[in-house]
Amino acid sequence: MIARLLAMFIAVGCSGGVAAQEFPSRSIRIIVPFASGSATDLTARPLAKEITAATGQQVLVDNRPGAEGQLGAQLAAAAKPDGYTVMVSTQTTQAANISVYKSLPYHPVDSFVPITGIRQGALVVLARRDLGMPGMKDIVAFAKKEPGKLMFGSGNGSSRAGGEYFKLLAGIDMLHVPYKGQPQLMTDLAGGRLDLTFTDMYTGMTFIKDKRAVAIAVTSTKRLATLPDVPTIAESGVPGYELGAWTAVFAPAGTPRPVVDRLNALFRAAIDAPSFKEQSAQSGAVLFPGTPEELGAFQRAEIEKWARIVKAAGMQEP
């Protein structure tokens, strides 16, 4: 009996190893719960290209925006846990939403298994070019004089949190204008229909370089090498302000550990590609690939952090 059980254990272990070695044997779908052209989308696509080249299997990016990422996250959570559907997402779906909404159609921890972190960085505050307020001190002064007149737009949770948290710490009022995604919002900002937005560096740098918007602050604790002349919000008269954004890879809960490890290896190799490193450096992002356990611990800490930010900024939905 013992010999039979031992043989069965060895057979199962070998079959798992073979399955992991053979994975992937068909195409992989990466769900991005945000719009095409968003920073998350533009993070996922070069990684998909790298993994396609490495495995010979097509890796497809499937954009499913809506409800601040809830629709795509729900779809990813409900997918078959075989490794052929994964999600590249951010702190919006995986840390903030659980504090913003009374109920979610998924759980950011229980519905997923972490694969690896990708990159993290600050947000940048962009203003329309003709706003005539070159710094955050000017924004604060105007908002105190004309409460609710300035409009800031957001296309995701971190963008909204950036503005709400700023309002709270600065003691001002601005009108929040929600969008389905950052790409649509940026079009309106460049067209002068919005005053401000707090956006990711990847999206922001494009508009800064094209001179379609003006960078007036960053949300990090220190100035960024990519924007050395742009001050932090904290040094612009709002002490204690700090906010960041990140992207990471998750798979549906129940995905076998050998497949999780294989996905981890594939994504970490793609993150290490020179072209991806260069793209990340140009946007001021810091890469943070790691083990599933490291991402899991990071995510749990981020959920606690965002719970404090969401509560302080009054972002909870009624």
C-alpha atoms as a PDB file:
ATOM      1  CA  MET A   1       0.000   0.000   0.000  1.00  0.00           C
ATOM      2  CA  ILE A   2       2.776   2.425   0.954  1.00  0.00           C
ATOM      3  CA  ALA A   3       4.646   1.589  -2.241  1.00  0.00           C
ATOM      4  CA  ARG A   4       1.510   2.222  -4.306  1.00  0.00           C
ATOM      5  CA  LEU A   5       0.873   5.597  -2.631  1.00  0.00           C
ATOM      6  CA  LEU A   6       4.491   6.581  -3.179  1.00  0.00           C
ATOM      7  CA  ALA A   7       4.246   5.656  -6.853  1.00  0.00           C
ATOM      8  CA  MET A   8       1.056   7.695  -7.196  1.00  0.00           C
ATOM      9  CA  PHE A   9       2.699  10.716  -5.532  1.00  0.00           C
ATOM     10  CA  ILE A  10       5.691  10.487  -7.866  1.00  0.00           C
ATOM     11  CA  ALA A  11       3.408  10.157 -10.897  1.00  0.00           C
ATOM     12  CA  VAL A  12       1.359  13.204  -9.910  1.00  0.00           C
ATOM     13  CA  GLY A  13       4.483  15.228  -9.240  1.00  0.00           C
ATOM     14  CA  CYS A  14       5.976  14.245 -12.594  1.00  0.00           C
ATOM     15  CA  SER A  15       2.772  15.014 -14.465  1.00  0.00           C
ATOM     16  CA  GLY A  16       2.682  18.482 -12.858  1.00  0.00           C
ATOM     17  CA  GLY A  17       6.284  19.070 -13.887  1.00  0.00           C
ATOM     18  CA  VAL A  18       5.609  17.944 -17.446  1.00  0.00           C
ATOM     19  CA  ALA A  19       2.509  20.163 -17.614  1.00  0.00           C
ATOM     20  CA  ALA A  20       4.528  23.158 -16.446  1.00  0.00           C
ATOM     21  CA  GLN A  21       7.293  22.425 -18.947  1.00  0.00           C
ATOM     22  CA  GLU A  22       4.784  22.172 -21.790  1.00  0.00           C
ATOM     23  CA  PHE A  23       2.940  25.345 -20.788  1.00  0.00           C
ATOM     24  CA  PRO A  24       1.890  27.241 -22.814  1.00  0.00           C
ATOM     25  CA  SER A  25       0.726  24.924 -25.564  1.00  0.00           C
ATOM     26  CA  ARG A  26      -1.809  27.408 -26.952  1.00  0.00           C
ATOM     27  CA  SER A  27      -2.571  31.120 -26.884  1.00  0.00           C
ATOM     28  CA  ILE A  28      -2.738  33.126 -23.660  1.00  0.00           C
ATOM     29  CA  ARG A  29      -5.206  35.915 -22.969  1.00  0.00           C
ATOM     30  CA  ILE A  30      -4.172  38.932 -20.884  1.00  0.00           C
ATOM     31  CA  ILE A  31      -7.207  40.780 -19.560  1.00  0.00           C
ATOM     32  CA  VAL A  32      -6.592  44.495 -19.023  1.00  0.00           C
ATOM     33  CA  PRO A  33      -9.502  46.007 -17.056  1.00  0.00           C
ATOM     34  CA  PHE A  34      -8.873  49.452 -18.532  1.00  0.00           C
ATOM     35  CA  ALA A  35      -9.213  51.074 -21.932  1.00  0.00           C
ATOM     36  CA  SER A  36      -6.986  50.604 -24.948  1.00  0.00           C
ATOM     37  CA  GLY A  37      -4.265  53.236 -24.835  1.00  0.00           C
ATOM     38  CA  SER A  38      -4.250  53.410 -21.034  1.00  0.00           C
ATOM     39  CA  ALA A  39      -0.962  53.014 -19.164  1.00  0.00           C
ATOM     40  CA  THR A  40      -1.949  49.494 -18.096  1.00  0.00           C
ATOM     41  CA  ASP A  41      -2.718  48.563 -21.697  1.00  0.00           C
ATOM     42  CA  LEU A  42       0.599  50.006 -22.875  1.00  0.00           C
ATOM     43  CA  THR A  43       2.340  48.012 -20.164  1.00  0.00           C
ATOM     44  CA  ALA A  44       0.679  44.726 -21.087  1.00  0.00           C
ATOM     45  CA  ARG A  45       1.192  44.886 -24.857  1.00  0.00           C
ATOM     46  CA  PRO A  46       5.017  44.897 -24.998  1.00  0.00           C
ATOM     47  CA  LEU A  47       5.078  42.094 -22.411  1.00  0.00           C
ATOM     48  CA  ALA A  48       2.644  40.088 -24.529  1.00  0.00           C
ATOM     49  CA  LYS A  49       4.923  40.589 -27.524  1.00  0.00           C
ATOM     50  CA  GLU A  50       7.959  39.374 -25.593  1.00  0.00           C
ATOM     51  CA  ILE A  51       6.184  36.259 -24.312  1.00  0.00           C
ATOM     52  CA  THR A  52       4.873  35.460 -27.792  1.00  0.00           C
ATOM     53  CA  ALA A  53       8.418  35.599 -29.131  1.00  0.00           C
ATOM     54  CA  ALA A  54       9.736  33.448 -26.280  1.00  0.00           C
ATOM     55  CA  THR A  55       7.096  30.716 -26.434  1.00  0.00           C
ATOM     56  CA  GLY A  56       5.884  30.716 -30.028  1.00  0.00           C
ATOM     57  CA  GLN A  57       2.325  30.981 -28.698  1.00  0.00           C
ATOM     58  CA  GLN A  58       0.226  34.050 -29.359  1.00  0.00           C
ATOM     59  CA  VAL A  59      -0.459  36.243 -26.333  1.00  0.00           C
ATOM     60  CA  LEU A  60      -3.525  38.437 -26.816  1.00  0.00           C
ATOM     61  CA  VAL A  61      -4.464  41.563 -24.855  1.00  0.00           C
ATOM     62  CA  ASP A  62      -8.192  41.809 -24.127  1.00  0.00           C
ATOM     63  CA  ASN A  63      -9.303  45.262 -22.921  1.00  0.00           C
ATOM     64  CA  ARG A  64     -12.394  45.154 -20.679  1.00  0.00           C
ATOM     65  CA  PRO A  65     -12.818  48.658 -19.210  1.00  0.00           C
ATOM     66  CA  GLY A  66     -15.618  49.861 -16.988  1.00  0.00           C
ATOM     67  CA  ALA A  67     -16.582  50.577 -13.372  1.00  0.00           C
ATOM     68  CA  GLU A  68     -13.005  51.481 -12.417  1.00  0.00           C
ATOM     69  CA  GLY A  69     -11.746  48.068 -13.501  1.00  0.00           C
ATOM     70  CA  GLN A  70     -14.449  45.986 -11.862  1.00  0.00           C
ATOM     71  CA  LEU A  71     -15.790  44.493 -15.104  1.00  0.00           C
ATOM     72  CA  GLY A  72     -12.431  43.216 -16.295  1.00  0.00           C
ATOM     73  CA  ALA A  73     -11.390  41.996 -12.854  1.00  0.00           C
ATOM     74  CA  GLN A  74     -14.643  40.063 -12.486  1.00  0.00           C
ATOM     75  CA  LEU A  75     -14.090  38.445 -15.871  1.00  0.00           C
ATOM     76  CA  ALA A  76     -10.524  37.480 -15.001  1.00  0.00           C
ATOM     77  CA  ALA A  77     -11.529  36.100 -11.608  1.00  0.00           C
ATOM     78  CA  ALA A  78     -14.171  33.875 -13.228  1.00  0.00           C
ATOM     79  CA  ALA A  79     -11.828  32.476 -15.902  1.00  0.00           C
ATOM     80  CA  LYS A  80     -10.701  28.866 -15.876  1.00  0.00           C
ATOM     81  CA  PRO A  81      -7.665  28.618 -13.563  1.00  0.00           C
ATOM     82  CA  ASP A  82      -5.359  26.941 -16.056  1.00  0.00           C
ATOM     83  CA  GLY A  83      -2.900  29.768 -16.733  1.00  0.00           C
ATOM     84  CA  TYR A  84      -4.288  30.648 -20.147  1.00  0.00           C
ATOM     85  CA  THR A  85      -6.102  33.704 -18.800  1.00  0.00           C
ATOM     86  CA  VAL A  86      -4.221  36.209 -16.661  1.00  0.00           C
ATOM     87  CA  MET A  87      -4.797  39.829 -15.722  1.00  0.00           C
ATOM     88  CA  VAL A  88      -2.446  42.802 -15.828  1.00  0.00           C
ATOM     89  CA  SER A  89      -3.927  45.383 -13.499  1.00  0.00           C
ATOM     90  CA  THR A  90      -3.179  48.069 -10.948  1.00  0.00           C
ATOM     91  CA  GLN A  91      -3.779  49.247  -7.407  1.00  0.00           C
ATOM     92  CA  THR A  92      -7.231  50.400  -8.529  1.00  0.00           C
ATOM     93  CA  THR A  93      -8.704  46.903  -8.830  1.00  0.00           C
ATOM     94  CA  GLN A  94      -6.283  45.096  -6.535  1.00  0.00           C
ATOM     95  CA  ALA A  95      -6.016  47.485  -3.577  1.00  0.00           C
ATOM     96  CA  ALA A  96      -8.314  50.536  -3.675  1.00  0.00           C
ATOM     97  CA  ASN A  97     -11.684  49.262  -4.914  1.00  0.00           C
ATOM     98  CA  ILE A  98     -12.272  47.064  -1.880  1.00  0.00           C
ATOM     99  CA  SER A  99     -12.363  50.195   0.278  1.00  0.00           C
ATOM    100  CA  VAL A 100     -14.213  52.397  -2.209  1.00  0.00           C
ATOM    101  CA  TYR A 101     -17.163  50.062  -2.860  1.00  0.00           C
ATOM    102  CA  LYS A 102     -19.420  48.334  -0.338  1.00  0.00           C
ATOM    103  CA  SER A 103     -19.454  45.230  -2.519  1.00  0.00           C
ATOM    104  CA  LEU A 104     -17.366  43.978  -5.420  1.00  0.00           C
ATOM    105  CA  PRO A 105     -18.051  41.200  -7.945  1.00  0.00           C
ATOM    106  CA  TYR A 106     -14.593  39.790  -7.080  1.00  0.00           C
ATOM    107  CA  HIS A 107     -12.177  39.853  -4.143  1.00  0.00           C
ATOM    108  CA  PRO A 108      -8.746  41.374  -4.846  1.00  0.00           C
ATOM    109  CA  VAL A 109      -6.967  38.679  -2.801  1.00  0.00           C
ATOM    110  CA  ASP A 110      -9.246  35.641  -2.583  1.00  0.00           C
ATOM    111  CA  SER A 111     -10.220  35.649  -6.287  1.00  0.00           C
ATOM    112  CA  PHE A 112      -6.647  35.678  -7.586  1.00  0.00           C
ATOM    113  CA  VAL A 113      -3.192  34.238  -7.208  1.00  0.00           C
ATOM    114  CA  PRO A 114      -0.353  36.761  -7.568  1.00  0.00           C
ATOM    115  CA  ILE A 115       2.204  36.173 -10.332  1.00  0.00           C
ATOM    116  CA  THR A 116       4.692  39.077 -10.300  1.00  0.00           C
ATOM    117  CA  GLY A 117       4.932  42.818  -9.929  1.00  0.00           C
ATOM    118  CA  ILE A 118       5.762  44.785 -13.067  1.00  0.00           C
ATOM    119  CA  ARG A 119       6.482  48.431 -12.325  1.00  0.00           C
ATOM    120  CA  GLN A 120       5.567  51.251  -9.984  1.00  0.00           C
ATOM    121  CA  GLY A 121       5.892  55.006 -10.045  1.00  0.00           C
ATOM    122  CA  ALA A 122       4.422  58.377  -9.209  1.00  0.00           C
ATOM    123  CA  LEU A 123       1.527  60.272 -10.711  1.00  0.00           C
ATOM    124  CA  VAL A 124       1.989  63.629 -12.399  1.00  0.00           C
ATOM    125  CA  VAL A 125      -0.405  66.551 -12.109  1.00  0.00           C
ATOM    126  CA  LEU A 126      -1.193  67.961 -15.545  1.00  0.00           C
ATOM    127  CA  ALA A 127      -2.991  71.196 -16.311  1.00  0.00           C
ATOM    128  CA  ARG A 128      -4.451  72.488 -19.548  1.00  0.00           C
ATOM    129  CA  ARG A 129      -1.964  74.730 -21.291  1.00  0.00           C
ATOM    130  CA  ASP A 130      -3.977  77.943 -20.966  1.00  0.00           C
ATOM    131  CA  LEU A 131      -4.921  77.506 -17.297  1.00  0.00           C
ATOM    132  CA  GLY A 132      -2.450  80.182 -16.252  1.00  0.00           C
ATOM    133  CA  MET A 133      -1.562  78.541 -12.928  1.00  0.00           C
ATOM    134  CA  PRO A 134       2.053  77.337 -13.069  1.00  0.00           C
ATOM    135  CA  GLY A 135       2.146  75.625  -9.682  1.00  0.00           C
ATOM    136  CA  MET A 136       0.094  73.900  -7.015  1.00  0.00           C
ATOM    137  CA  LYS A 137       0.283  76.970  -4.774  1.00  0.00           C
ATOM    138  CA  ASP A 138      -1.574  78.857  -7.501  1.00  0.00           C
ATOM    139  CA  ILE A 139      -4.145  76.062  -7.703  1.00  0.00           C
ATOM    140  CA  VAL A 140      -4.707  76.166  -3.936  1.00  0.00           C
ATOM    141  CA  ALA A 141      -4.995  79.959  -3.867  1.00  0.00           C
ATOM    142  CA  PHE A 142      -7.523  80.011  -6.714  1.00  0.00           C
ATOM    143  CA  ALA A 143      -9.568  77.120  -5.295  1.00  0.00           C
ATOM    144  CA  LYS A 144      -9.832  78.832  -1.925  1.00  0.00           C
ATOM    145  CA  LYS A 145     -11.005  82.007  -3.625  1.00  0.00           C
ATOM    146  CA  GLU A 146     -13.351  80.200  -6.062  1.00  0.00           C
ATOM    147  CA  PRO A 147     -14.458  76.914  -4.398  1.00  0.00           C
ATOM    148  CA  GLY A 148     -15.669  74.236  -6.823  1.00  0.00           C
ATOM    149  CA  LYS A 149     -14.775  76.171  -9.957  1.00  0.00           C
ATOM    150  CA  LEU A 150     -11.689  74.170 -10.942  1.00  0.00           C
ATOM    151  CA  MET A 151     -12.450  70.811 -12.587  1.00  0.00           C
ATOM    152  CA  PHE A 152     -10.230  67.773 -12.216  1.00  0.00           C
ATOM    153  CA  GLY A 153     -10.888  64.609 -14.190  1.00  0.00           C
ATOM    154  CA  SER A 154     -10.178  60.980 -13.348  1.00  0.00           C
ATOM    155  CA  GLY A 155     -10.358  57.804 -15.392  1.00  0.00           C
ATOM    156  CA  ASN A 156      -9.409  55.318 -12.667  1.00  0.00           C
ATOM    157  CA  GLY A 157      -9.186  54.960  -8.907  1.00  0.00           C
ATOM    158  CA  SER A 158      -5.657  56.245  -8.459  1.00  0.00           C
ATOM    159  CA  SER A 159      -6.355  59.302 -10.595  1.00  0.00           C
ATOM    160  CA  ARG A 160      -9.435  60.085  -8.539  1.00  0.00           C
ATOM    161  CA  ALA A 161      -7.613  59.429  -5.276  1.00  0.00           C
ATOM    162  CA  GLY A 162      -4.854  61.793  -6.347  1.00  0.00           C
ATOM    163  CA  GLY A 163      -7.289  64.675  -6.675  1.00  0.00           C
ATOM    164  CA  GLU A 164      -9.461  63.823  -3.678  1.00  0.00           C
ATOM    165  CA  TYR A 165      -6.449  63.384  -1.392  1.00  0.00           C
ATOM    166  CA  PHE A 166      -5.031  66.706  -2.605  1.00  0.00           C
ATOM    167  CA  LYS A 167      -8.353  68.443  -1.894  1.00  0.00           C
ATOM    168  CA  LEU A 168      -8.366  67.010   1.605  1.00  0.00           C
ATOM    169  CA  LEU A 169      -4.803  67.948   2.569  1.00  0.00           C
ATOM    170  CA  ALA A 170      -4.934  71.359   0.881  1.00  0.00           C
ATOM    171  CA  GLY A 171      -8.326  72.198   2.386  1.00  0.00           C
ATOM    172  CA  ILE A 172      -9.902  73.132  -0.940  1.00  0.00           C
ATOM    173  CA  ASP A 173     -12.832  72.139  -3.136  1.00  0.00           C
ATOM    174  CA  MET A 174     -12.601  71.159  -6.808  1.00  0.00           C
ATOM    175  CA  LEU A 175     -15.262  69.612  -9.034  1.00  0.00           C
ATOM    176  CA  HIS A 176     -14.564  65.948  -9.835  1.00  0.00           C
ATOM    177  CA  VAL A 177     -15.391  64.843 -13.385  1.00  0.00           C
ATOM    178  CA  PRO A 178     -15.320  61.021 -13.814  1.00  0.00           C
ATOM    179  CA  TYR A 179     -14.313  59.358 -17.087  1.00  0.00           C
ATOM    180  CA  LYS A 180     -14.393  55.766 -18.269  1.00  0.00           C
ATOM    181  CA  GLY A 181     -10.631  55.849 -18.840  1.00  0.00           C
ATOM    182  CA  GLN A 182      -7.612  58.137 -18.887  1.00  0.00           C
ATOM    183  CA  PRO A 183      -7.287  58.258 -22.720  1.00  0.00           C
ATOM    184  CA  GLN A 184     -10.680  59.975 -23.138  1.00  0.00           C
ATOM    185  CA  LEU A 185      -9.912  62.301 -20.257  1.00  0.00           C
ATOM    186  CA  MET A 186      -6.560  63.349 -21.734  1.00  0.00           C
ATOM    187  CA  THR A 187      -8.254  64.304 -24.984  1.00  0.00           C
ATOM    188  CA  ASP A 188     -10.537  66.668 -23.090  1.00  0.00           C
ATOM    189  CA  LEU A 189      -7.649  68.094 -21.065  1.00  0.00           C
ATOM    190  CA  ALA A 190      -5.650  68.806 -24.217  1.00  0.00           C
ATOM    191  CA  GLY A 191      -8.768  70.395 -25.737  1.00  0.00           C
ATOM    192  CA  GLY A 192      -9.196  72.740 -22.776  1.00  0.00           C
ATOM    193  CA  ARG A 193     -12.390  71.153 -21.471  1.00  0.00           C
ATOM    194  CA  LEU A 194     -10.798  70.138 -18.156  1.00  0.00           C
ATOM    195  CA  ASP A 195      -8.478  72.037 -15.841  1.00  0.00           C
ATOM    196  CA  LEU A 196      -6.434  69.296 -14.172  1.00  0.00           C
ATOM    197  CA  THR A 197      -5.800  65.592 -13.872  1.00  0.00           C
ATOM    198  CA  PHE A 198      -3.616  63.348 -11.748  1.00  0.00           C
ATOM    199  CA  THR A 199      -2.328  60.751 -14.192  1.00  0.00           C
ATOM    200  CA  ASP A 200       0.282  58.040 -14.518  1.00  0.00           C
ATOM    201  CA  MET A 201       3.702  59.035 -15.768  1.00  0.00           C
ATOM    202  CA  TYR A 202       3.480  56.883 -18.879  1.00  0.00           C
ATOM    203  CA  THR A 203       0.415  58.726 -20.136  1.00  0.00           C
ATOM    204  CA  GLY A 204       1.570  62.052 -18.802  1.00  0.00           C
ATOM    205  CA  MET A 205       4.996  62.073 -20.456  1.00  0.00           C
ATOM    206  CA  THR A 206       3.455  61.784 -23.918  1.00  0.00           C
ATOM    207  CA  PHE A 207       1.335  64.894 -23.396  1.00  0.00           C
ATOM    208  CA  ILE A 208       4.191  66.785 -21.755  1.00  0.00           C
ATOM    209  CA  LYS A 209       6.569  66.060 -24.629  1.00  0.00           C
ATOM    210  CA  ASP A 210       3.932  66.998 -27.208  1.00  0.00           C
ATOM    211  CA  LYS A 211       3.187  70.193 -25.237  1.00  0.00           C
ATOM    212  CA  ARG A 212      -0.492  69.349 -25.086  1.00  0.00           C
ATOM    213  CA  ALA A 213      -0.514  69.783 -21.285  1.00  0.00           C
ATOM    214  CA  VAL A 214       1.666  71.319 -18.576  1.00  0.00           C
ATOM    215  CA  ALA A 215       3.217  69.339 -15.716  1.00  0.00           C
ATOM    216  CA  ILE A 216       2.895  71.289 -12.473  1.00  0.00           C
ATOM    217  CA  ALA A 217       3.692  68.668  -9.795  1.00  0.00           C
ATOM    218  CA  VAL A 218       4.464  65.009  -9.089  1.00  0.00           C
ATOM    219  CA  THR A 219       2.993  62.887  -6.293  1.00  0.00           C
ATOM    220  CA  SER A 220       6.235  61.259  -5.125  1.00  0.00           C
ATOM    221  CA  THR A 221       8.208  62.284  -2.049  1.00  0.00           C
ATOM    222  CA  LYS A 222      11.185  63.317  -4.199  1.00  0.00           C
ATOM    223  CA  ARG A 223      11.487  64.939  -7.621  1.00  0.00           C
ATOM    224  CA  LEU A 224      11.817  62.562 -10.558  1.00  0.00           C
ATOM    225  CA  ALA A 225      14.900  62.303 -12.758  1.00  0.00           C
ATOM    226  CA  THR A 226      12.650  62.402 -15.815  1.00  0.00           C
ATOM    227  CA  LEU A 227      11.064  65.706 -14.686  1.00  0.00           C
ATOM    228  CA  PRO A 228      13.734  67.365 -12.531  1.00  0.00           C
ATOM    229  CA  ASP A 229      12.179  70.843 -12.791  1.00  0.00           C
ATOM    230  CA  VAL A 230       8.735  69.709 -11.645  1.00  0.00           C
ATOM    231  CA  PRO A 231       8.289  69.962  -7.852  1.00  0.00           C
ATOM    232  CA  THR A 232       6.515  67.476  -5.623  1.00  0.00           C
ATOM    233  CA  ILE A 233       3.119  68.355  -4.194  1.00  0.00           C
ATOM    234  CA  ALA A 234       4.637  68.203  -0.712  1.00  0.00           C
ATOM    235  CA  GLU A 235       7.227  70.870  -1.517  1.00  0.00           C
ATOM    236  CA  SER A 236       4.519  72.943  -3.226  1.00  0.00           C
ATOM    237  CA  GLY A 237       2.821  73.747   0.046  1.00  0.00           C
ATOM    238  CA  VAL A 238       0.930  70.522   0.865  1.00  0.00           C
ATOM    239  CA  PRO A 239       3.198  68.684   3.336  1.00  0.00           C
ATOM    240  CA  GLY A 240       2.669  64.959   3.811  1.00  0.00           C
ATOM    241  CA  TYR A 241       1.244  64.344   0.344  1.00  0.00           C
ATOM    242  CA  GLU A 242       2.487  61.156  -1.347  1.00  0.00           C
ATOM    243  CA  LEU A 243       0.756  58.779  -3.742  1.00  0.00           C
ATOM    244  CA  GLY A 244       1.960  56.107  -6.151  1.00  0.00           C
ATOM    245  CA  ALA A 245       0.718  53.694  -8.795  1.00  0.00           C
ATOM    246  CA  TRP A 246       1.718  50.180  -9.826  1.00  0.00           C
ATOM    247  CA  THR A 247       0.978  47.369 -12.235  1.00  0.00           C
ATOM    248  CA  ALA A 248       1.216  43.624 -11.639  1.00  0.00           C
ATOM    249  CA  VAL A 249       0.145  40.250 -13.018  1.00  0.00           C
ATOM    250  CA  PHE A 250      -2.515  38.045 -11.438  1.00  0.00           C
ATOM    251  CA  ALA A 251      -4.140  34.731 -12.385  1.00  0.00           C
ATOM    252  CA  PRO A 252      -7.476  33.252 -11.265  1.00  0.00           C
ATOM    253  CA  ALA A 253      -7.444  31.589  -7.857  1.00  0.00           C
ATOM    254  CA  GLY A 254      -6.791  27.877  -8.114  1.00  0.00           C
ATOM    255  CA  THR A 255      -4.197  28.103 -10.875  1.00  0.00           C
ATOM    256  CA  PRO A 256      -1.731  25.232 -10.229  1.00  0.00           C
ATOM    257  CA  ARG A 257       1.551  26.226  -8.629  1.00  0.00           C
ATOM    258  CA  PRO A 258       3.719  24.784 -11.439  1.00  0.00           C
ATOM    259  CA  VAL A 259       1.821  26.971 -13.930  1.00  0.00           C
ATOM    260  CA  VAL A 260       2.092  29.976 -11.620  1.00  0.00           C
ATOM    261  CA  ASP A 261       5.857  29.477 -11.497  1.00  0.00           C
ATOM    262  CA  ARG A 262       6.046  29.156 -15.273  1.00  0.00           C
ATOM    263  CA  LEU A 263       4.019  32.361 -15.729  1.00  0.00           C
ATOM    264  CA  ASN A 264       6.258  34.094 -13.225  1.00  0.00           C
ATOM    265  CA  ALA A 265       9.347  33.089 -15.186  1.00  0.00           C
ATOM    266  CA  LEU A 266       7.840  34.158 -18.522  1.00  0.00           C
ATOM    267  CA  PHE A 267       6.705  37.566 -17.293  1.00  0.00           C
ATOM    268  CA  ARG A 268       9.926  38.269 -15.412  1.00  0.00           C
ATOM    269  CA  ALA A 269      11.952  37.483 -18.536  1.00  0.00           C
ATOM    270  CA  ALA A 270       9.711  39.840 -20.534  1.00  0.00           C
ATOM    271  CA  ILE A 271      10.115  42.587 -17.920  1.00  0.00           C
ATOM    272  CA  ASP A 272      13.876  42.128 -18.153  1.00  0.00           C
ATOM    273  CA  ALA A 273      13.837  42.736 -21.929  1.00  0.00           C
ATOM    274  CA  PRO A 274      15.976  45.791 -22.865  1.00  0.00           C
ATOM    275  CA  SER A 275      13.147  47.451 -24.799  1.00  0.00           C
ATOM    276  CA  PHE A 276      10.760  47.190 -21.844  1.00  0.00           C
ATOM    277  CA  LYS A 277      13.392  48.490 -19.456  1.00  0.00           C
ATOM    278  CA  GLU A 278      14.000  51.474 -21.711  1.00  0.00           C
ATOM    279  CA  GLN A 279      10.275  52.212 -22.053  1.00  0.00           C
ATOM    280  CA  SER A 280       9.899  52.091 -18.274  1.00  0.00           C
ATOM    281  CA  ALA A 281      12.893  54.338 -17.653  1.00  0.00           C
ATOM    282  CA  GLN A 282      11.555  56.969 -20.042  1.00  0.00           C
ATOM    283  CA  SER A 283       8.320  57.149 -18.059  1.00  0.00           C
ATOM    284  CA  GLY A 284      10.140  57.367 -14.736  1.00  0.00           C
ATOM    285  CA  ALA A 285       8.808  54.001 -13.551  1.00  0.00           C
ATOM    286  CA  VAL A 286      10.708  51.572 -11.331  1.00  0.00           C
ATOM    287  CA  LEU A 287      10.547  47.867 -12.154  1.00  0.00           C
ATOM    288  CA  PHE A 288       9.664  45.507  -9.305  1.00  0.00           C
ATOM    289  CA  PRO A 289       9.424  41.938 -10.576  1.00  0.00           C
ATOM    290  CA  GLY A 290       9.504  39.294  -7.882  1.00  0.00           C
ATOM    291  CA  THR A 291       8.038  36.072  -6.585  1.00  0.00           C
ATOM    292  CA  PRO A 292       4.319  35.434  -6.156  1.00  0.00           C
ATOM    293  CA  GLU A 293       4.839  35.598  -2.394  1.00  0.00           C
ATOM    294  CA  GLU A 294       6.518  38.998  -2.635  1.00  0.00           C
ATOM    295  CA  LEU A 295       3.676  40.393  -4.730  1.00  0.00           C
ATOM    296  CA  GLY A 296       1.130  38.936  -2.311  1.00  0.00           C
ATOM    297  CA  ALA A 297       2.760  40.630   0.679  1.00  0.00           C
ATOM    298  CA  PHE A 298       3.068  43.899  -1.254  1.00  0.00           C
ATOM    299  CA  GLN A 299      -0.606  43.770  -2.258  1.00  0.00           C
ATOM    300  CA  ARG A 300      -1.797  43.201   1.310  1.00  0.00           C
ATOM    301  CA  ALA A 301       0.223  46.193   2.496  1.00  0.00           C
ATOM    302  CA  GLU A 302      -1.199  48.290  -0.353  1.00  0.00           C
ATOM    303  CA  ILE A 303      -4.775  47.333   0.573  1.00  0.00           C
ATOM    304  CA  GLU A 304      -4.162  48.682   4.085  1.00  0.00           C
ATOM    305  CA  LYS A 305      -2.532  51.840   2.706  1.00  0.00           C
ATOM    306  CA  TRP A 306      -5.344  52.532   0.250  1.00  0.00           C
ATOM    307  CA  ALA A 307      -7.953  51.913   2.927  1.00  0.00           C
ATOM    308  CA  ARG A 308      -6.471  54.846   4.843  1.00  0.00           C
ATOM    309  CA  ILE A 309      -6.309  57.054   1.731  1.00  0.00           C
ATOM    310  CA  VAL A 310      -9.862  56.220   0.615  1.00  0.00           C
ATOM    311  CA  LYS A 311     -11.252  56.910   4.090  1.00  0.00           C
ATOM    312  CA  ALA A 312      -9.301  60.136   4.484  1.00  0.00           C
ATOM    313  CA  ALA A 313     -10.349  61.392   1.057  1.00  0.00           C
ATOM    314  CA  GLY A 314     -13.995  60.450   1.576  1.00  0.00           C
ATOM    315  CA  MET A 315     -14.104  58.227  -1.507  1.00  0.00           C
ATOM    316  CA  GLN A 316     -16.338  55.477  -0.107  1.00  0.00           C
ATOM    317  CA  GLU A 317     -19.411  54.895  -2.207  1.00  0.00           C
ATOM    318  CA  PRO A 318     -22.713  55.281  -0.275  1.00  0.00           C
END
